Amino acid sequence: MDCSQKLYFTAFLIVAASIRGIQGYAMVSGTVFCDQCKDGQISLFDYPLNGINVAMACPDNNGQMTTWGEETTNWLGNFAMKFDGTPDLSGCVAQVRSSSVLGTRGCGTGGGSGKSPRLMFRMFDMEMYTVDPLISQPADPMSFCPKSSYPQPHPSPVSPTTPPSTLPVPPLPPFPPTPSLPHVPSLPPLPPMPPFPFLEASACPHQNWMMPEYRCYWKVINPDSKVGVVFGVIAARKYGTDITLWEGMKGRGEPYKTLLREGTTALLNSYNSVQFPYHPLGVIQHMNWALMGSTQQVLHTALGFLRANSGNGRTTCKFNPCK
């Protein structure tokens, strides 16, 4: 290729890139939790919220914050906003708005500070942002919350007519014992994401993942990986240290076996598609929370994984037979 041909080829790439940039888009995703104890952080007492409005506000030319978009969380507490072009969202803020939608269980009054989206990756004409977990709070903390998490009242001002030296000092009442929370061991380190995960939504049930013609889609974790290594110490105590992910995919007929099967499937789907409802770390966290809870919590979590793995009636499996 001579010099003129190289110049024409370079110009073609620049024009093509500029055309693609015009047709590009930016995607922002995140999750909203119910902060039941009103302590401003995510804990074992909190759960994802369905039907909560989330607004994205960005500065205009005058520096005033204006609403660019608004979305409602799905039954998993997730939301996703799409913006045309490739705008710079670093100065924007995602904020929970109050909601009266049924199903929020009194936790739709808003609360918590807004979060700025973080750029996960940029490729050609597409940008993917994520927002740290947002919270919405009830009017009052739940009765089962530790007392230490309740907001403390401000002390009453002393009357200026009463000399401070004459005020009686009553003895302090003993503090009620704070219920101890279950210790959550540190989660296992996640393997790195594949360099080019599927950009389109895909959700595949466990039957597809076990077919030989789709074996090549096990890219990040392999069938022989140990359950305890992937999901952590709590899973190792429940399922043993020798069981593999492939063996766990065969479990059925019992709540904990069903949880392991659907949790492993959800983890595979989360690595396979960036638009899967669960993030890989979210799958592991939900597994640990369920294993530390009741049998009802195990069934509830397994059902949530099962619905996500089946696409919830909207997303299909995008597998092609391996060559």
C-alpha atoms as a PDB file:
ATOM      1  CA  MET A   1       0.000   0.000   0.000  1.00  0.00           C
ATOM      2  CA  ASP A   2       1.589   3.283  -1.120  1.00  0.00           C
ATOM      3  CA  CYS A   3       1.526   6.559   0.768  1.00  0.00           C
ATOM      4  CA  SER A   4      -1.600   7.944  -0.954  1.00  0.00           C
ATOM      5  CA  GLN A   5      -3.546   4.754  -0.302  1.00  0.00           C
ATOM      6  CA  LYS A   6      -2.577   4.872   3.373  1.00  0.00           C
ATOM      7  CA  LEU A   7      -3.735   8.485   3.550  1.00  0.00           C
ATOM      8  CA  TYR A   8      -7.098   7.648   1.964  1.00  0.00           C
ATOM      9  CA  PHE A   9      -7.514   4.677   4.328  1.00  0.00           C
ATOM     10  CA  THR A  10      -6.744   6.816   7.387  1.00  0.00           C
ATOM     11  CA  ALA A  11      -9.222   9.463   6.250  1.00  0.00           C
ATOM     12  CA  PHE A  12     -11.860   6.777   5.763  1.00  0.00           C
ATOM     13  CA  LEU A  13     -11.364   5.509   9.326  1.00  0.00           C
ATOM     14  CA  ILE A  14     -11.676   9.053  10.728  1.00  0.00           C
ATOM     15  CA  VAL A  15     -14.902   9.696   8.810  1.00  0.00           C
ATOM     16  CA  ALA A  16     -16.321   6.321   9.798  1.00  0.00           C
ATOM     17  CA  ALA A  17     -15.494   6.934  13.439  1.00  0.00           C
ATOM     18  CA  SER A  18     -17.120  10.346  13.371  1.00  0.00           C
ATOM     19  CA  ILE A  19     -20.287   8.905  11.818  1.00  0.00           C
ATOM     20  CA  ARG A  20     -20.428   6.179  14.448  1.00  0.00           C
ATOM     21  CA  GLY A  21     -19.901   8.783  17.180  1.00  0.00           C
ATOM     22  CA  ILE A  22     -23.014  10.626  16.038  1.00  0.00           C
ATOM     23  CA  GLN A  23     -25.025   7.413  16.346  1.00  0.00           C
ATOM     24  CA  GLY A  24     -23.502   6.421  19.688  1.00  0.00           C
ATOM     25  CA  TYR A  25     -25.110   6.243  23.095  1.00  0.00           C
ATOM     26  CA  ALA A  26     -24.279   6.173  26.789  1.00  0.00           C
ATOM     27  CA  MET A  27     -25.813   3.690  29.239  1.00  0.00           C
ATOM     28  CA  VAL A  28     -26.083   4.347  33.004  1.00  0.00           C
ATOM     29  CA  SER A  29     -27.164   1.583  35.400  1.00  0.00           C
ATOM     30  CA  GLY A  30     -27.487   1.171  39.152  1.00  0.00           C
ATOM     31  CA  THR A  31     -29.540  -0.244  42.022  1.00  0.00           C
ATOM     32  CA  VAL A  32     -31.756   1.289  44.734  1.00  0.00           C
ATOM     33  CA  PHE A  33     -31.986  -0.293  48.190  1.00  0.00           C
ATOM     34  CA  CYS A  34     -34.388   0.261  51.073  1.00  0.00           C
ATOM     35  CA  ASP A  35     -32.345   1.578  54.013  1.00  0.00           C
ATOM     36  CA  GLN A  36     -34.638   0.119  56.670  1.00  0.00           C
ATOM     37  CA  CYS A  37     -32.528   1.292  59.625  1.00  0.00           C
ATOM     38  CA  LYS A  38     -31.914   4.802  58.201  1.00  0.00           C
ATOM     39  CA  ASP A  39     -28.194   4.500  58.884  1.00  0.00           C
ATOM     40  CA  GLY A  40     -27.178   5.697  55.414  1.00  0.00           C
ATOM     41  CA  GLN A  41     -25.489   2.485  54.340  1.00  0.00           C
ATOM     42  CA  ILE A  42     -26.304  -0.915  52.850  1.00  0.00           C
ATOM     43  CA  SER A  43     -26.545  -3.696  55.450  1.00  0.00           C
ATOM     44  CA  LEU A  44     -28.067  -7.149  55.880  1.00  0.00           C
ATOM     45  CA  PHE A  45     -31.385  -5.548  56.816  1.00  0.00           C
ATOM     46  CA  ASP A  46     -31.763  -3.799  53.435  1.00  0.00           C
ATOM     47  CA  TYR A  47     -33.281  -5.069  50.193  1.00  0.00           C
ATOM     48  CA  PRO A  48     -33.630  -3.855  46.560  1.00  0.00           C
ATOM     49  CA  LEU A  49     -36.612  -1.599  45.853  1.00  0.00           C
ATOM     50  CA  ASN A  50     -39.067  -1.941  42.992  1.00  0.00           C
ATOM     51  CA  GLY A  51     -40.961   1.025  41.505  1.00  0.00           C
ATOM     52  CA  ILE A  52     -38.630   3.818  42.693  1.00  0.00           C
ATOM     53  CA  ASN A  53     -38.060   6.815  40.434  1.00  0.00           C
ATOM     54  CA  VAL A  54     -34.426   7.757  39.786  1.00  0.00           C
ATOM     55  CA  ALA A  55     -33.556  11.039  38.056  1.00  0.00           C
ATOM     56  CA  MET A  56     -30.304  12.012  36.356  1.00  0.00           C
ATOM     57  CA  ALA A  57     -29.452  15.708  36.745  1.00  0.00           C
ATOM     58  CA  CYS A  58     -26.596  17.320  34.797  1.00  0.00           C
ATOM     59  CA  PRO A  59     -25.249  20.910  34.690  1.00  0.00           C
ATOM     60  CA  ASP A  60     -26.257  23.126  31.773  1.00  0.00           C
ATOM     61  CA  ASN A  61     -24.204  25.896  30.173  1.00  0.00           C
ATOM     62  CA  ASN A  62     -24.947  28.178  33.146  1.00  0.00           C
ATOM     63  CA  GLY A  63     -23.970  25.586  35.731  1.00  0.00           C
ATOM     64  CA  GLN A  64     -27.574  24.944  36.769  1.00  0.00           C
ATOM     65  CA  MET A  65     -28.566  21.307  37.348  1.00  0.00           C
ATOM     66  CA  THR A  66     -31.286  20.155  34.961  1.00  0.00           C
ATOM     67  CA  THR A  67     -32.960  16.765  34.681  1.00  0.00           C
ATOM     68  CA  TRP A  68     -31.744  14.790  31.680  1.00  0.00           C
ATOM     69  CA  GLY A  69     -33.675  11.586  32.255  1.00  0.00           C
ATOM     70  CA  GLU A  70     -35.743   9.602  34.711  1.00  0.00           C
ATOM     71  CA  GLU A  71     -36.312   5.861  35.064  1.00  0.00           C
ATOM     72  CA  THR A  72     -38.120   3.498  37.432  1.00  0.00           C
ATOM     73  CA  THR A  73     -36.440   0.536  39.121  1.00  0.00           C
ATOM     74  CA  ASN A  74     -37.505  -2.981  38.164  1.00  0.00           C
ATOM     75  CA  TRP A  75     -38.405  -5.834  40.523  1.00  0.00           C
ATOM     76  CA  LEU A  76     -34.696  -6.384  41.219  1.00  0.00           C
ATOM     77  CA  GLY A  77     -34.213  -2.735  42.210  1.00  0.00           C
ATOM     78  CA  ASN A  78     -32.180  -2.005  39.071  1.00  0.00           C
ATOM     79  CA  PHE A  79     -32.524   0.921  36.684  1.00  0.00           C
ATOM     80  CA  ALA A  80     -30.906   1.765  33.357  1.00  0.00           C
ATOM     81  CA  MET A  81     -30.897   5.057  31.449  1.00  0.00           C
ATOM     82  CA  LYS A  82     -29.827   5.508  27.851  1.00  0.00           C
ATOM     83  CA  PHE A  83     -28.606   8.816  26.406  1.00  0.00           C
ATOM     84  CA  ASP A  84     -28.012   9.444  22.716  1.00  0.00           C
ATOM     85  CA  GLY A  85     -24.540  10.439  21.634  1.00  0.00           C
ATOM     86  CA  THR A  86     -21.529  10.154  23.932  1.00  0.00           C
ATOM     87  CA  PRO A  87     -22.077  12.871  26.560  1.00  0.00           C
ATOM     88  CA  ASP A  88     -19.683  13.480  29.425  1.00  0.00           C
ATOM     89  CA  LEU A  89     -21.642  12.409  32.508  1.00  0.00           C
ATOM     90  CA  SER A  90     -18.870  12.967  35.050  1.00  0.00           C
ATOM     91  CA  GLY A  91     -20.590  16.098  36.425  1.00  0.00           C
ATOM     92  CA  CYS A  92     -24.048  14.518  36.609  1.00  0.00           C
ATOM     93  CA  VAL A  93     -25.788  13.137  39.695  1.00  0.00           C
ATOM     94  CA  ALA A  94     -28.288  10.278  40.023  1.00  0.00           C
ATOM     95  CA  GLN A  95     -30.831  10.956  42.777  1.00  0.00           C
ATOM     96  CA  VAL A  96     -33.703   8.918  44.228  1.00  0.00           C
ATOM     97  CA  ARG A  97     -37.084  10.620  44.068  1.00  0.00           C
ATOM     98  CA  SER A  98     -39.957   9.772  46.386  1.00  0.00           C
ATOM     99  CA  SER A  99     -42.480   7.282  45.087  1.00  0.00           C
ATOM    100  CA  SER A 100     -45.957   6.181  46.105  1.00  0.00           C
ATOM    101  CA  VAL A 101     -45.842   2.990  44.068  1.00  0.00           C
ATOM    102  CA  LEU A 102     -47.283  -0.024  45.870  1.00  0.00           C
ATOM    103  CA  GLY A 103     -44.639  -2.534  46.813  1.00  0.00           C
ATOM    104  CA  THR A 104     -42.142  -0.084  48.262  1.00  0.00           C
ATOM    105  CA  ARG A 105     -43.372  -1.135  51.734  1.00  0.00           C
ATOM    106  CA  GLY A 106     -43.201   2.382  53.145  1.00  0.00           C
ATOM    107  CA  CYS A 107     -39.641   2.871  51.936  1.00  0.00           C
ATOM    108  CA  GLY A 108     -40.369   5.257  49.069  1.00  0.00           C
ATOM    109  CA  THR A 109     -39.803   8.599  50.798  1.00  0.00           C
ATOM    110  CA  GLY A 110     -36.358   9.140  49.308  1.00  0.00           C
ATOM    111  CA  GLY A 111     -33.318   9.966  51.379  1.00  0.00           C
ATOM    112  CA  GLY A 112     -29.604   9.560  50.918  1.00  0.00           C
ATOM    113  CA  SER A 113     -27.257  11.644  48.828  1.00  0.00           C
ATOM    114  CA  GLY A 114     -27.030  11.496  45.055  1.00  0.00           C
ATOM    115  CA  LYS A 115     -24.223   9.579  43.366  1.00  0.00           C
ATOM    116  CA  SER A 116     -22.176  10.522  40.313  1.00  0.00           C
ATOM    117  CA  PRO A 117     -21.915   7.923  37.538  1.00  0.00           C
ATOM    118  CA  ARG A 118     -18.541   6.261  37.032  1.00  0.00           C
ATOM    119  CA  LEU A 119     -17.284   5.367  33.558  1.00  0.00           C
ATOM    120  CA  MET A 120     -16.737   1.603  33.343  1.00  0.00           C
ATOM    121  CA  PHE A 121     -15.478   1.448  29.775  1.00  0.00           C
ATOM    122  CA  ARG A 122     -15.700   3.283  26.472  1.00  0.00           C
ATOM    123  CA  MET A 123     -15.503   1.457  23.161  1.00  0.00           C
ATOM    124  CA  PHE A 124     -16.016   3.096  19.767  1.00  0.00           C
ATOM    125  CA  ASP A 125     -19.345   4.949  20.031  1.00  0.00           C
ATOM    126  CA  MET A 126     -20.624   3.418  23.280  1.00  0.00           C
ATOM    127  CA  GLU A 127     -20.078   4.365  26.918  1.00  0.00           C
ATOM    128  CA  MET A 128     -21.049   2.290  29.951  1.00  0.00           C
ATOM    129  CA  TYR A 129     -21.487   4.042  33.325  1.00  0.00           C
ATOM    130  CA  THR A 130     -22.420   2.644  36.705  1.00  0.00           C
ATOM    131  CA  VAL A 131     -23.794   4.363  39.815  1.00  0.00           C
ATOM    132  CA  ASP A 132     -22.956   3.232  43.346  1.00  0.00           C
ATOM    133  CA  PRO A 133     -25.994   1.857  45.240  1.00  0.00           C
ATOM    134  CA  LEU A 134     -28.619   4.490  46.024  1.00  0.00           C
ATOM    135  CA  ILE A 135     -30.866   4.322  49.065  1.00  0.00           C
ATOM    136  CA  SER A 136     -34.446   5.219  49.901  1.00  0.00           C
ATOM    137  CA  GLN A 137     -35.637   5.342  53.486  1.00  0.00           C
ATOM    138  CA  PRO A 138     -38.864   4.819  55.447  1.00  0.00           C
ATOM    139  CA  ALA A 139     -40.320   7.536  57.645  1.00  0.00           C
ATOM    140  CA  ASP A 140     -38.993   5.770  60.776  1.00  0.00           C
ATOM    141  CA  PRO A 141     -36.424   2.993  61.333  1.00  0.00           C
ATOM    142  CA  MET A 142     -37.809  -0.511  61.586  1.00  0.00           C
ATOM    143  CA  SER A 143     -38.329  -1.916  65.091  1.00  0.00           C
ATOM    144  CA  PHE A 144     -35.782  -4.721  64.609  1.00  0.00           C
ATOM    145  CA  CYS A 145     -32.916  -2.318  63.816  1.00  0.00           C
ATOM    146  CA  PRO A 146     -30.097  -1.844  66.346  1.00  0.00           C
ATOM    147  CA  LYS A 147     -30.726   1.193  68.536  1.00  0.00           C
ATOM    148  CA  SER A 148     -27.311   2.579  67.703  1.00  0.00           C
ATOM    149  CA  SER A 149     -28.411   3.093  64.093  1.00  0.00           C
ATOM    150  CA  TYR A 150     -31.313   5.359  65.039  1.00  0.00           C
ATOM    151  CA  PRO A 151     -30.746   9.077  64.461  1.00  0.00           C
ATOM    152  CA  GLN A 152     -29.806  10.718  67.757  1.00  0.00           C
ATOM    153  CA  PRO A 153     -31.939  13.685  68.920  1.00  0.00           C
ATOM    154  CA  HIS A 154     -30.272  17.038  69.433  1.00  0.00           C
ATOM    155  CA  PRO A 155     -29.871  18.106  73.097  1.00  0.00           C
ATOM    156  CA  SER A 156     -32.316  20.706  74.343  1.00  0.00           C
ATOM    157  CA  PRO A 157     -30.808  24.177  74.802  1.00  0.00           C
ATOM    158  CA  VAL A 158     -30.290  25.347  78.380  1.00  0.00           C
ATOM    159  CA  SER A 159     -32.498  28.244  79.461  1.00  0.00           C
ATOM    160  CA  PRO A 160     -30.375  31.435  79.710  1.00  0.00           C
ATOM    161  CA  THR A 161     -32.179  32.428  82.957  1.00  0.00           C
ATOM    162  CA  THR A 162     -30.938  29.375  84.832  1.00  0.00           C
ATOM    163  CA  PRO A 163     -27.288  29.447  85.903  1.00  0.00           C
ATOM    164  CA  PRO A 164     -25.476  26.403  84.501  1.00  0.00           C
ATOM    165  CA  SER A 165     -23.904  25.666  87.894  1.00  0.00           C
ATOM    166  CA  THR A 166     -27.313  25.102  89.544  1.00  0.00           C
ATOM    167  CA  LEU A 167     -28.596  22.563  87.003  1.00  0.00           C
ATOM    168  CA  PRO A 168     -28.911  19.066  88.482  1.00  0.00           C
ATOM    169  CA  VAL A 169     -26.966  16.367  86.682  1.00  0.00           C
ATOM    170  CA  PRO A 170     -29.021  13.158  86.633  1.00  0.00           C
ATOM    171  CA  PRO A 171     -27.170   9.869  86.345  1.00  0.00           C
ATOM    172  CA  LEU A 172     -26.960   8.409  82.842  1.00  0.00           C
ATOM    173  CA  PRO A 173     -29.256   5.428  82.254  1.00  0.00           C
ATOM    174  CA  PRO A 174     -27.572   2.213  81.187  1.00  0.00           C
ATOM    175  CA  PHE A 175     -27.445   1.662  77.455  1.00  0.00           C
ATOM    176  CA  PRO A 176     -29.597  -1.195  76.192  1.00  0.00           C
ATOM    177  CA  PRO A 177     -27.595  -4.091  74.780  1.00  0.00           C
ATOM    178  CA  THR A 178     -27.128  -3.847  71.021  1.00  0.00           C
ATOM    179  CA  PRO A 179     -27.991  -7.090  69.198  1.00  0.00           C
ATOM    180  CA  SER A 180     -24.937  -8.568  67.566  1.00  0.00           C
ATOM    181  CA  LEU A 181     -25.017  -8.800  63.786  1.00  0.00           C
ATOM    182  CA  PRO A 182     -23.837 -11.939  61.992  1.00  0.00           C
ATOM    183  CA  HIS A 183     -20.259 -11.637  60.836  1.00  0.00           C
ATOM    184  CA  VAL A 184     -19.908 -11.663  57.067  1.00  0.00           C
ATOM    185  CA  PRO A 185     -16.546 -13.089  55.981  1.00  0.00           C
ATOM    186  CA  SER A 186     -14.708 -11.228  53.258  1.00  0.00           C
ATOM    187  CA  LEU A 187     -15.985 -12.112  49.808  1.00  0.00           C
ATOM    188  CA  PRO A 188     -13.687 -14.019  47.444  1.00  0.00           C
ATOM    189  CA  PRO A 189     -11.887 -11.922  44.822  1.00  0.00           C
ATOM    190  CA  LEU A 190     -13.706 -11.757  41.515  1.00  0.00           C
ATOM    191  CA  PRO A 191     -11.903 -12.928  38.391  1.00  0.00           C
ATOM    192  CA  PRO A 192     -11.417 -10.208  35.765  1.00  0.00           C
ATOM    193  CA  MET A 193     -14.219  -9.464  33.349  1.00  0.00           C
ATOM    194  CA  PRO A 194     -13.717 -10.758  29.793  1.00  0.00           C
ATOM    195  CA  PRO A 195     -12.257  -8.080  27.489  1.00  0.00           C
ATOM    196  CA  PHE A 196     -15.350  -7.834  25.297  1.00  0.00           C
ATOM    197  CA  PRO A 197     -18.485  -9.073  27.074  1.00  0.00           C
ATOM    198  CA  PHE A 198     -21.694  -9.238  25.122  1.00  0.00           C
ATOM    199  CA  LEU A 199     -23.164  -5.761  24.818  1.00  0.00           C
ATOM    200  CA  GLU A 200     -26.696  -6.974  24.117  1.00  0.00           C
ATOM    201  CA  ALA A 201     -28.988  -8.335  26.794  1.00  0.00           C
ATOM    202  CA  SER A 202     -28.816 -12.109  27.207  1.00  0.00           C
ATOM    203  CA  ALA A 203     -30.150 -14.475  29.855  1.00  0.00           C
ATOM    204  CA  CYS A 204     -29.754 -18.247  29.621  1.00  0.00           C
ATOM    205  CA  PRO A 205     -31.225 -20.910  31.952  1.00  0.00           C
ATOM    206  CA  HIS A 206     -29.036 -23.559  33.542  1.00  0.00           C
ATOM    207  CA  GLN A 207     -30.029 -26.171  30.924  1.00  0.00           C
ATOM    208  CA  ASN A 208     -28.304 -24.126  28.205  1.00  0.00           C
ATOM    209  CA  TRP A 209     -25.132 -23.687  30.226  1.00  0.00           C
ATOM    210  CA  MET A 210     -24.847 -27.472  30.638  1.00  0.00           C
ATOM    211  CA  MET A 211     -25.126 -28.285  26.915  1.00  0.00           C
ATOM    212  CA  PRO A 212     -21.825 -29.395  25.319  1.00  0.00           C
ATOM    213  CA  GLU A 213     -22.328 -27.126  22.292  1.00  0.00           C
ATOM    214  CA  TYR A 214     -22.287 -24.062  24.597  1.00  0.00           C
ATOM    215  CA  ARG A 215     -19.297 -25.099  26.717  1.00  0.00           C
ATOM    216  CA  CYS A 216     -17.148 -22.325  25.173  1.00  0.00           C
ATOM    217  CA  TYR A 217     -19.211 -19.666  26.970  1.00  0.00           C
ATOM    218  CA  TRP A 218     -17.635 -20.652  30.299  1.00  0.00           C
ATOM    219  CA  LYS A 219     -14.962 -17.980  29.873  1.00  0.00           C
ATOM    220  CA  VAL A 220     -14.373 -16.385  33.273  1.00  0.00           C
ATOM    221  CA  ILE A 221     -15.042 -19.367  35.538  1.00  0.00           C
ATOM    222  CA  ASN A 222     -14.774 -23.010  34.496  1.00  0.00           C
ATOM    223  CA  PRO A 223     -16.986 -25.978  35.390  1.00  0.00           C
ATOM    224  CA  ASP A 224     -14.306 -27.514  37.642  1.00  0.00           C
ATOM    225  CA  SER A 225     -14.012 -24.432  39.886  1.00  0.00           C
ATOM    226  CA  LYS A 226     -14.876 -25.145  43.532  1.00  0.00           C
ATOM    227  CA  VAL A 227     -18.062 -23.617  44.917  1.00  0.00           C
ATOM    228  CA  GLY A 228     -16.232 -22.519  48.070  1.00  0.00           C
ATOM    229  CA  VAL A 229     -13.561 -20.731  46.071  1.00  0.00           C
ATOM    230  CA  VAL A 230     -16.068 -18.845  43.889  1.00  0.00           C
ATOM    231  CA  PHE A 231     -18.759 -17.989  46.473  1.00  0.00           C
ATOM    232  CA  GLY A 232     -16.669 -17.813  49.657  1.00  0.00           C
ATOM    233  CA  VAL A 233     -16.427 -19.335  53.125  1.00  0.00           C
ATOM    234  CA  ILE A 234     -20.164 -19.398  53.892  1.00  0.00           C
ATOM    235  CA  ALA A 235     -20.889 -21.438  50.757  1.00  0.00           C
ATOM    236  CA  ALA A 236     -17.989 -23.771  51.537  1.00  0.00           C
ATOM    237  CA  ARG A 237     -19.439 -24.470  54.992  1.00  0.00           C
ATOM    238  CA  LYS A 238     -22.856 -25.250  53.530  1.00  0.00           C
ATOM    239  CA  TYR A 239     -21.944 -27.205  50.397  1.00  0.00           C
ATOM    240  CA  GLY A 240     -18.506 -28.547  51.292  1.00  0.00           C
ATOM    241  CA  THR A 241     -15.078 -27.804  49.894  1.00  0.00           C
ATOM    242  CA  ASP A 242     -15.042 -30.430  47.148  1.00  0.00           C
ATOM    243  CA  ILE A 243     -18.220 -29.686  45.182  1.00  0.00           C
ATOM    244  CA  THR A 244     -17.652 -28.030  41.783  1.00  0.00           C
ATOM    245  CA  LEU A 245     -19.800 -25.527  39.921  1.00  0.00           C
ATOM    246  CA  TRP A 246     -20.700 -28.211  37.377  1.00  0.00           C
ATOM    247  CA  GLU A 247     -21.960 -30.515  40.121  1.00  0.00           C
ATOM    248  CA  GLY A 248     -23.856 -27.633  41.693  1.00  0.00           C
ATOM    249  CA  MET A 249     -25.647 -26.980  38.398  1.00  0.00           C
ATOM    250  CA  LYS A 250     -27.302 -30.416  38.712  1.00  0.00           C
ATOM    251  CA  GLY A 251     -28.973 -29.690  42.056  1.00  0.00           C
ATOM    252  CA  ARG A 252     -32.768 -29.747  42.298  1.00  0.00           C
ATOM    253  CA  GLY A 253     -35.590 -30.748  44.616  1.00  0.00           C
ATOM    254  CA  GLU A 254     -34.204 -28.959  47.687  1.00  0.00           C
ATOM    255  CA  PRO A 255     -34.043 -25.199  48.483  1.00  0.00           C
ATOM    256  CA  TYR A 256     -30.281 -24.974  49.043  1.00  0.00           C
ATOM    257  CA  LYS A 257     -29.478 -27.066  45.972  1.00  0.00           C
ATOM    258  CA  THR A 258     -31.830 -24.925  43.888  1.00  0.00           C
ATOM    259  CA  LEU A 259     -30.145 -21.779  45.219  1.00  0.00           C
ATOM    260  CA  LEU A 260     -26.704 -23.069  44.227  1.00  0.00           C
ATOM    261  CA  ARG A 261     -27.896 -24.058  40.749  1.00  0.00           C
ATOM    262  CA  GLU A 262     -29.594 -20.745  40.002  1.00  0.00           C
ATOM    263  CA  GLY A 263     -26.872 -18.690  41.728  1.00  0.00           C
ATOM    264  CA  THR A 264     -24.164 -20.323  39.611  1.00  0.00           C
ATOM    265  CA  THR A 265     -26.260 -19.748  36.485  1.00  0.00           C
ATOM    266  CA  ALA A 266     -26.790 -16.098  37.431  1.00  0.00           C
ATOM    267  CA  LEU A 267     -23.052 -15.625  37.957  1.00  0.00           C
ATOM    268  CA  LEU A 268     -22.329 -17.064  34.504  1.00  0.00           C
ATOM    269  CA  ASN A 269     -24.982 -14.835  32.919  1.00  0.00           C
ATOM    270  CA  SER A 270     -23.626 -11.746  34.702  1.00  0.00           C
ATOM    271  CA  TYR A 271     -20.189 -12.343  33.190  1.00  0.00           C
ATOM    272  CA  ASN A 272     -21.664 -13.087  29.774  1.00  0.00           C
ATOM    273  CA  SER A 273     -23.787  -9.934  29.357  1.00  0.00           C
ATOM    274  CA  VAL A 274     -23.270  -6.446  30.803  1.00  0.00           C
ATOM    275  CA  GLN A 275     -27.047  -5.907  30.691  1.00  0.00           C
ATOM    276  CA  PHE A 276     -27.875  -8.876  32.917  1.00  0.00           C
ATOM    277  CA  PRO A 277     -29.893  -7.655  35.970  1.00  0.00           C
ATOM    278  CA  TYR A 278     -27.245  -8.821  38.459  1.00  0.00           C
ATOM    279  CA  HIS A 279     -23.599  -7.718  38.675  1.00  0.00           C
ATOM    280  CA  PRO A 280     -21.159 -10.576  39.475  1.00  0.00           C
ATOM    281  CA  LEU A 281     -20.440  -9.156  42.934  1.00  0.00           C
ATOM    282  CA  GLY A 282     -24.191  -8.749  43.508  1.00  0.00           C
ATOM    283  CA  VAL A 283     -24.759 -12.445  42.766  1.00  0.00           C
ATOM    284  CA  ILE A 284     -22.152 -13.461  45.368  1.00  0.00           C
ATOM    285  CA  GLN A 285     -23.547 -11.030  47.956  1.00  0.00           C
ATOM    286  CA  HIS A 286     -27.122 -12.271  47.498  1.00  0.00           C
ATOM    287  CA  MET A 287     -25.906 -15.871  47.810  1.00  0.00           C
ATOM    288  CA  ASN A 288     -24.152 -15.120  51.111  1.00  0.00           C
ATOM    289  CA  TRP A 289     -27.118 -13.175  52.507  1.00  0.00           C
ATOM    290  CA  ALA A 290     -29.468 -16.036  51.642  1.00  0.00           C
ATOM    291  CA  LEU A 291     -27.209 -18.702  53.172  1.00  0.00           C
ATOM    292  CA  MET A 292     -27.075 -16.687  56.415  1.00  0.00           C
ATOM    293  CA  GLY A 293     -30.875 -16.309  56.539  1.00  0.00           C
ATOM    294  CA  SER A 294     -33.908 -18.536  56.766  1.00  0.00           C
ATOM    295  CA  THR A 295     -35.145 -21.177  54.336  1.00  0.00           C
ATOM    296  CA  GLN A 296     -37.713 -18.665  53.131  1.00  0.00           C
ATOM    297  CA  GLN A 297     -34.888 -16.243  52.290  1.00  0.00           C
ATOM    298  CA  VAL A 298     -33.105 -19.043  50.413  1.00  0.00           C
ATOM    299  CA  LEU A 299     -36.220 -19.736  48.328  1.00  0.00           C
ATOM    300  CA  HIS A 300     -36.819 -16.023  47.718  1.00  0.00           C
ATOM    301  CA  THR A 301     -33.246 -15.493  46.478  1.00  0.00           C
ATOM    302  CA  ALA A 302     -33.328 -18.630  44.331  1.00  0.00           C
ATOM    303  CA  LEU A 303     -36.588 -17.454  42.748  1.00  0.00           C
ATOM    304  CA  GLY A 304     -35.036 -14.061  41.995  1.00  0.00           C
ATOM    305  CA  PHE A 305     -32.087 -15.734  40.272  1.00  0.00           C
ATOM    306  CA  LEU A 306     -34.431 -18.076  38.384  1.00  0.00           C
ATOM    307  CA  ARG A 307     -36.492 -15.186  37.013  1.00  0.00           C
ATOM    308  CA  ALA A 308     -33.390 -13.286  35.932  1.00  0.00           C
ATOM    309  CA  ASN A 309     -31.898 -16.389  34.295  1.00  0.00           C
ATOM    310  CA  SER A 310     -35.114 -16.955  32.341  1.00  0.00           C
ATOM    311  CA  GLY A 311     -35.085 -13.354  31.065  1.00  0.00           C
ATOM    312  CA  ASN A 312     -38.306 -12.481  32.918  1.00  0.00           C
ATOM    313  CA  GLY A 313     -40.210 -13.001  29.666  1.00  0.00           C
ATOM    314  CA  ARG A 314     -38.370 -10.158  27.893  1.00  0.00           C
ATOM    315  CA  THR A 315     -34.786 -11.313  27.292  1.00  0.00           C
ATOM    316  CA  THR A 316     -33.732 -14.412  25.384  1.00  0.00           C
ATOM    317  CA  CYS A 317     -30.561 -16.503  25.377  1.00  0.00           C
ATOM    318  CA  LYS A 318     -28.102 -15.261  22.749  1.00  0.00           C
ATOM    319  CA  PHE A 319     -26.009 -18.447  22.530  1.00  0.00           C
ATOM    320  CA  ASN A 320     -24.666 -19.770  19.239  1.00  0.00           C
ATOM    321  CA  PRO A 321     -23.198 -23.299  19.021  1.00  0.00           C
ATOM    322  CA  CYS A 322     -19.453 -23.319  19.589  1.00  0.00           C
ATOM    323  CA  LYS A 323     -17.295 -24.046  16.589  1.00  0.00           C
END
